[in-house]
């Protein structure tokens, strides 16, 4: 709603920054700054400084979920939904073990991603996932196999790294 001048901040007639590319802050004497970018007119000084630091962390692929959550929250509140979606997509482009380390934040960011995609009319299928996040060996699972299970191994064969209980309870 901030895009229409309703809500917490008026946009002063500015259009949203086009996506999906993420605006990168530049280095300054005081740290990272977004001065000179289209986002500079949308935030007050304190939020702009915080957002510059957060977007630097996103660009550097920091592995803390809070960085992505806070940056997406600030951008979405200011009406910058394409940039917020780019931040959330950057979280899902990180390796899977990073996302598994904070499952609550991953679920929260997943809900935010779905909401942003529906509001922006962005595709929700695998085409929307960045190429670097996709694995080359990802194929659809066979019906009846649990997610993440190998489709090449037979159902009764022992797989390296699984316990006997897991093997016995497999589908």
C-alpha atoms as a PDB file:
ATOM      1  CA  UNK A   1       0.000   0.000   0.000  1.00  0.00           C
ATOM      2  CA  UNK A   2       2.971   2.323   0.419  1.00  0.00           C
ATOM      3  CA  UNK A   3       3.236   2.446  -3.351  1.00  0.00           C
ATOM      4  CA  UNK A   4      -0.038   4.390  -3.442  1.00  0.00           C
ATOM      5  CA  UNK A   5       0.893   6.744  -0.622  1.00  0.00           C
ATOM      6  CA  UNK A   6      -1.200   4.833   1.920  1.00  0.00           C
ATOM      7  CA  UNK A   7       0.311   3.351   5.017  1.00  0.00           C
ATOM      8  CA  UNK A   8       3.407   4.150   6.992  1.00  0.00           C
ATOM      9  CA  UNK A   9       5.356   6.017   4.325  1.00  0.00           C
ATOM     10  CA  UNK A  10       4.464   8.020   1.272  1.00  0.00           C
ATOM     11  CA  UNK A  11       6.520   7.260  -1.816  1.00  0.00           C
ATOM     12  CA  UNK A  12       6.586  10.822  -3.166  1.00  0.00           C
ATOM     13  CA  UNK A  13       5.632   9.664  -6.653  1.00  0.00           C
ATOM     14  CA  UNK A  14       8.562   7.281  -7.014  1.00  0.00           C
ATOM     15  CA  UNK A  15       8.111   3.979  -8.798  1.00  0.00           C
ATOM     16  CA  UNK A  16       9.333   0.759  -7.229  1.00  0.00           C
ATOM     17  CA  UNK A  17      12.880  -0.253  -8.087  1.00  0.00           C
ATOM     18  CA  UNK A  18      12.648  -2.837 -10.878  1.00  0.00           C
ATOM     19  CA  UNK A  19      13.622  -6.394  -9.972  1.00  0.00           C
ATOM     20  CA  UNK A  20      14.782  -9.083  -9.784  1.00  0.00           C
ATOM     21  CA  UNK A  21      18.356  -7.806  -9.494  1.00  0.00           C
ATOM     22  CA  UNK A  22      19.340  -6.893  -5.975  1.00  0.00           C
ATOM     23  CA  UNK A  23      20.574  -3.342  -5.384  1.00  0.00           C
ATOM     24  CA  UNK A  24      24.108  -3.579  -4.019  1.00  0.00           C
ATOM     25  CA  UNK A  25      25.451  -0.983  -1.577  1.00  0.00           C
ATOM     26  CA  UNK A  26      28.779   0.657  -2.247  1.00  0.00           C
ATOM     27  CA  UNK A  27      31.630   1.057   0.176  1.00  0.00           C
ATOM     28  CA  UNK A  28      32.081   4.395   1.940  1.00  0.00           C
ATOM     29  CA  UNK A  29      34.129   5.766   4.818  1.00  0.00           C
ATOM     30  CA  UNK A  30      31.302   5.002   7.231  1.00  0.00           C
ATOM     31  CA  UNK A  31      30.679   1.456   6.018  1.00  0.00           C
ATOM     32  CA  UNK A  32      28.187   0.530   3.305  1.00  0.00           C
ATOM     33  CA  UNK A  33      25.867   3.076   1.760  1.00  0.00           C
ATOM     34  CA  UNK A  34      22.947   3.114  -0.624  1.00  0.00           C
ATOM     35  CA  UNK A  35      23.353   6.816  -1.444  1.00  0.00           C
ATOM     36  CA  UNK A  36      23.038   7.382  -5.160  1.00  0.00           C
ATOM     37  CA  UNK A  37      20.800   4.339  -5.640  1.00  0.00           C
ATOM     38  CA  UNK A  38      17.038   4.422  -6.323  1.00  0.00           C
ATOM     39  CA  UNK A  39      16.446   3.199  -2.756  1.00  0.00           C
ATOM     40  CA  UNK A  40      18.054   6.288  -1.172  1.00  0.00           C
ATOM     41  CA  UNK A  41      14.884   8.376  -1.515  1.00  0.00           C
ATOM     42  CA  UNK A  42      12.656   5.728   0.034  1.00  0.00           C
ATOM     43  CA  UNK A  43      14.179   5.435   3.507  1.00  0.00           C
ATOM     44  CA  UNK A  44      15.188   7.768   6.309  1.00  0.00           C
ATOM     45  CA  UNK A  45      18.868   7.999   7.211  1.00  0.00           C
ATOM     46  CA  UNK A  46      18.953   5.381   9.994  1.00  0.00           C
ATOM     47  CA  UNK A  47      17.003   2.790   8.029  1.00  0.00           C
ATOM     48  CA  UNK A  48      19.106   3.456   4.934  1.00  0.00           C
ATOM     49  CA  UNK A  49      22.292   2.806   6.903  1.00  0.00           C
ATOM     50  CA  UNK A  50      20.858  -0.402   8.384  1.00  0.00           C
ATOM     51  CA  UNK A  51      19.566  -1.532   4.995  1.00  0.00           C
ATOM     52  CA  UNK A  52      22.953  -0.872   3.386  1.00  0.00           C
ATOM     53  CA  UNK A  53      24.646  -3.121   5.917  1.00  0.00           C
ATOM     54  CA  UNK A  54      21.971  -5.794   5.528  1.00  0.00           C
ATOM     55  CA  UNK A  55      22.109  -5.757   1.722  1.00  0.00           C
ATOM     56  CA  UNK A  56      25.885  -6.038   1.866  1.00  0.00           C
ATOM     57  CA  UNK A  57      25.404  -9.146   4.015  1.00  0.00           C
ATOM     58  CA  UNK A  58      22.900 -10.541   1.509  1.00  0.00           C
ATOM     59  CA  UNK A  59      25.284  -9.858  -1.365  1.00  0.00           C
ATOM     60  CA  UNK A  60      28.136 -11.498   0.546  1.00  0.00           C
ATOM     61  CA  UNK A  61      25.912 -14.567   1.146  1.00  0.00           C
ATOM     62  CA  UNK A  62      25.915 -14.329   4.942  1.00  0.00           C
ATOM     63  CA  UNK A  63      24.499 -17.431   6.541  1.00  0.00           C
ATOM     64  CA  UNK A  64      22.319 -15.730   9.155  1.00  0.00           C
ATOM     65  CA  UNK A  65      18.590 -15.866   8.461  1.00  0.00           C
ATOM     66  CA  UNK A  66      17.923 -12.696  10.438  1.00  0.00           C
ATOM     67  CA  UNK A  67      19.870 -10.661   7.855  1.00  0.00           C
ATOM     68  CA  UNK A  68      17.543 -11.789   5.082  1.00  0.00           C
ATOM     69  CA  UNK A  69      14.382 -11.485   7.193  1.00  0.00           C
ATOM     70  CA  UNK A  70      15.162  -7.944   8.336  1.00  0.00           C
ATOM     71  CA  UNK A  71      16.214  -6.729   4.871  1.00  0.00           C
ATOM     72  CA  UNK A  72      13.075  -8.207   3.281  1.00  0.00           C
ATOM     73  CA  UNK A  73      10.919  -6.684   6.018  1.00  0.00           C
ATOM     74  CA  UNK A  74      12.381  -3.183   5.557  1.00  0.00           C
ATOM     75  CA  UNK A  75      12.064  -3.373   1.784  1.00  0.00           C
ATOM     76  CA  UNK A  76       8.514  -4.706   1.847  1.00  0.00           C
ATOM     77  CA  UNK A  77       7.358  -2.063   4.328  1.00  0.00           C
ATOM     78  CA  UNK A  78       8.714   0.642   2.017  1.00  0.00           C
ATOM     79  CA  UNK A  79       6.832  -0.796  -0.956  1.00  0.00           C
ATOM     80  CA  UNK A  80       9.897  -2.311  -2.615  1.00  0.00           C
ATOM     81  CA  UNK A  81       8.379  -5.739  -3.193  1.00  0.00           C
ATOM     82  CA  UNK A  82      10.629  -6.702  -6.152  1.00  0.00           C
ATOM     83  CA  UNK A  83      13.727  -6.000  -4.048  1.00  0.00           C
ATOM     84  CA  UNK A  84      12.238  -7.852  -1.060  1.00  0.00           C
ATOM     85  CA  UNK A  85      11.581 -10.849  -3.304  1.00  0.00           C
ATOM     86  CA  UNK A  86      15.178 -10.703  -4.557  1.00  0.00           C
ATOM     87  CA  UNK A  87      16.417 -10.813  -0.940  1.00  0.00           C
ATOM     88  CA  UNK A  88      14.220 -13.820  -0.132  1.00  0.00           C
ATOM     89  CA  UNK A  89      15.314 -15.586  -3.315  1.00  0.00           C
ATOM     90  CA  UNK A  90      18.935 -14.989  -2.275  1.00  0.00           C
ATOM     91  CA  UNK A  91      18.211 -16.904   0.968  1.00  0.00           C
ATOM     92  CA  UNK A  92      16.842 -19.853  -0.989  1.00  0.00           C
ATOM     93  CA  UNK A  93      19.861 -19.764  -3.300  1.00  0.00           C
ATOM     94  CA  UNK A  94      22.138 -20.591  -0.342  1.00  0.00           C
ATOM     95  CA  UNK A  95      23.213 -24.212   0.196  1.00  0.00           C
ATOM     96  CA  UNK A  96      20.587 -26.500   1.704  1.00  0.00           C
ATOM     97  CA  UNK A  97      22.500 -27.122   4.928  1.00  0.00           C
ATOM     98  CA  UNK A  98      22.322 -23.391   5.712  1.00  0.00           C
ATOM     99  CA  UNK A  99      18.552 -23.374   5.323  1.00  0.00           C
ATOM    100  CA  UNK A 100      18.209 -26.572   7.367  1.00  0.00           C
ATOM    101  CA  UNK A 101      20.169 -24.982  10.206  1.00  0.00           C
ATOM    102  CA  UNK A 102      17.322 -22.516  10.815  1.00  0.00           C
ATOM    103  CA  UNK A 103      14.058 -24.225   9.854  1.00  0.00           C
ATOM    104  CA  UNK A 104      11.718 -21.671  11.482  1.00  0.00           C
ATOM    105  CA  UNK A 105      13.274 -18.797   9.554  1.00  0.00           C
ATOM    106  CA  UNK A 106      13.222 -20.831   6.340  1.00  0.00           C
ATOM    107  CA  UNK A 107       9.493 -21.496   6.760  1.00  0.00           C
ATOM    108  CA  UNK A 108       8.878 -17.825   7.502  1.00  0.00           C
ATOM    109  CA  UNK A 109      10.884 -16.695   4.487  1.00  0.00           C
ATOM    110  CA  UNK A 110       9.111 -19.305   2.354  1.00  0.00           C
ATOM    111  CA  UNK A 111       5.720 -17.874   3.314  1.00  0.00           C
ATOM    112  CA  UNK A 112       6.995 -14.368   2.583  1.00  0.00           C
ATOM    113  CA  UNK A 113       8.288 -15.548  -0.813  1.00  0.00           C
ATOM    114  CA  UNK A 114       4.899 -17.035  -1.713  1.00  0.00           C
ATOM    115  CA  UNK A 115       3.125 -13.846  -0.632  1.00  0.00           C
ATOM    116  CA  UNK A 116       5.505 -11.595  -2.589  1.00  0.00           C
ATOM    117  CA  UNK A 117       5.276 -13.780  -5.684  1.00  0.00           C
ATOM    118  CA  UNK A 118       1.477 -13.712  -5.591  1.00  0.00           C
ATOM    119  CA  UNK A 119       1.407  -9.933  -5.163  1.00  0.00           C
ATOM    120  CA  UNK A 120       3.936  -9.368  -7.934  1.00  0.00           C
ATOM    121  CA  UNK A 121       2.504 -12.008 -10.243  1.00  0.00           C
ATOM    122  CA  UNK A 122       5.877 -13.770 -10.399  1.00  0.00           C
ATOM    123  CA  UNK A 123       6.038 -17.451 -11.435  1.00  0.00           C
ATOM    124  CA  UNK A 124       5.984 -19.903  -8.546  1.00  0.00           C
ATOM    125  CA  UNK A 125       7.438 -22.970 -10.257  1.00  0.00           C
ATOM    126  CA  UNK A 126      11.029 -24.145 -10.600  1.00  0.00           C
ATOM    127  CA  UNK A 127      11.695 -21.475 -13.234  1.00  0.00           C
ATOM    128  CA  UNK A 128      11.562 -18.870 -10.462  1.00  0.00           C
ATOM    129  CA  UNK A 129      14.407 -20.532  -8.556  1.00  0.00           C
ATOM    130  CA  UNK A 130      17.799 -19.088  -9.513  1.00  0.00           C
ATOM    131  CA  UNK A 131      19.997 -21.407 -11.563  1.00  0.00           C
ATOM    132  CA  UNK A 132      22.696 -21.515  -8.899  1.00  0.00           C
ATOM    133  CA  UNK A 133      20.188 -22.891  -6.372  1.00  0.00           C
ATOM    134  CA  UNK A 134      19.159 -25.771  -8.603  1.00  0.00           C
ATOM    135  CA  UNK A 135      21.164 -28.957  -8.471  1.00  0.00           C
ATOM    136  CA  UNK A 136      22.125 -30.665 -11.671  1.00  0.00           C
ATOM    137  CA  UNK A 137      20.887 -34.049 -10.476  1.00  0.00           C
ATOM    138  CA  UNK A 138      17.478 -32.915  -9.328  1.00  0.00           C
ATOM    139  CA  UNK A 139      14.791 -35.067 -10.867  1.00  0.00           C
ATOM    140  CA  UNK A 140      11.229 -35.560  -9.729  1.00  0.00           C
ATOM    141  CA  UNK A 141      10.845 -38.331  -7.175  1.00  0.00           C
ATOM    142  CA  UNK A 142       8.926 -41.468  -8.002  1.00  0.00           C
ATOM    143  CA  UNK A 143       5.484 -41.711  -6.450  1.00  0.00           C
ATOM    144  CA  UNK A 144       5.684 -43.292  -3.015  1.00  0.00           C
ATOM    145  CA  UNK A 145       9.302 -42.314  -2.278  1.00  0.00           C
ATOM    146  CA  UNK A 146       9.996 -39.878   0.533  1.00  0.00           C
ATOM    147  CA  UNK A 147      11.483 -36.486  -0.425  1.00  0.00           C
ATOM    148  CA  UNK A 148      15.249 -36.578  -0.698  1.00  0.00           C
ATOM    149  CA  UNK A 149      15.392 -40.360  -1.148  1.00  0.00           C
ATOM    150  CA  UNK A 150      17.542 -41.644  -3.974  1.00  0.00           C
ATOM    151  CA  UNK A 151      15.558 -43.000  -6.888  1.00  0.00           C
ATOM    152  CA  UNK A 152      18.474 -45.082  -8.176  1.00  0.00           C
ATOM    153  CA  UNK A 153      18.862 -47.259  -5.068  1.00  0.00           C
ATOM    154  CA  UNK A 154      16.466 -50.133  -4.673  1.00  0.00           C
ATOM    155  CA  UNK A 155      13.979 -49.884  -1.860  1.00  0.00           C
ATOM    156  CA  UNK A 156      15.399 -52.748   0.167  1.00  0.00           C
ATOM    157  CA  UNK A 157      19.091 -52.047  -0.395  1.00  0.00           C
ATOM    158  CA  UNK A 158      21.128 -50.536   2.403  1.00  0.00           C
ATOM    159  CA  UNK A 159      22.340 -47.038   1.716  1.00  0.00           C
ATOM    160  CA  UNK A 160      25.451 -45.564   3.230  1.00  0.00           C
ATOM    161  CA  UNK A 161      24.711 -43.302   6.215  1.00  0.00           C
ATOM    162  CA  UNK A 162      21.236 -44.621   7.068  1.00  0.00           C
ATOM    163  CA  UNK A 163      20.445 -46.582  10.189  1.00  0.00           C
ATOM    164  CA  UNK A 164      18.738 -49.946  10.167  1.00  0.00           C
ATOM    165  CA  UNK A 165      15.609 -48.404  11.654  1.00  0.00           C
ATOM    166  CA  UNK A 166      15.423 -45.911   8.795  1.00  0.00           C
ATOM    167  CA  UNK A 167      15.980 -48.700   6.301  1.00  0.00           C
ATOM    168  CA  UNK A 168      13.256 -50.837   7.886  1.00  0.00           C
ATOM    169  CA  UNK A 169      10.695 -48.015   7.897  1.00  0.00           C
ATOM    170  CA  UNK A 170      11.332 -46.944   4.332  1.00  0.00           C
ATOM    171  CA  UNK A 171       8.414 -47.095   1.905  1.00  0.00           C
END
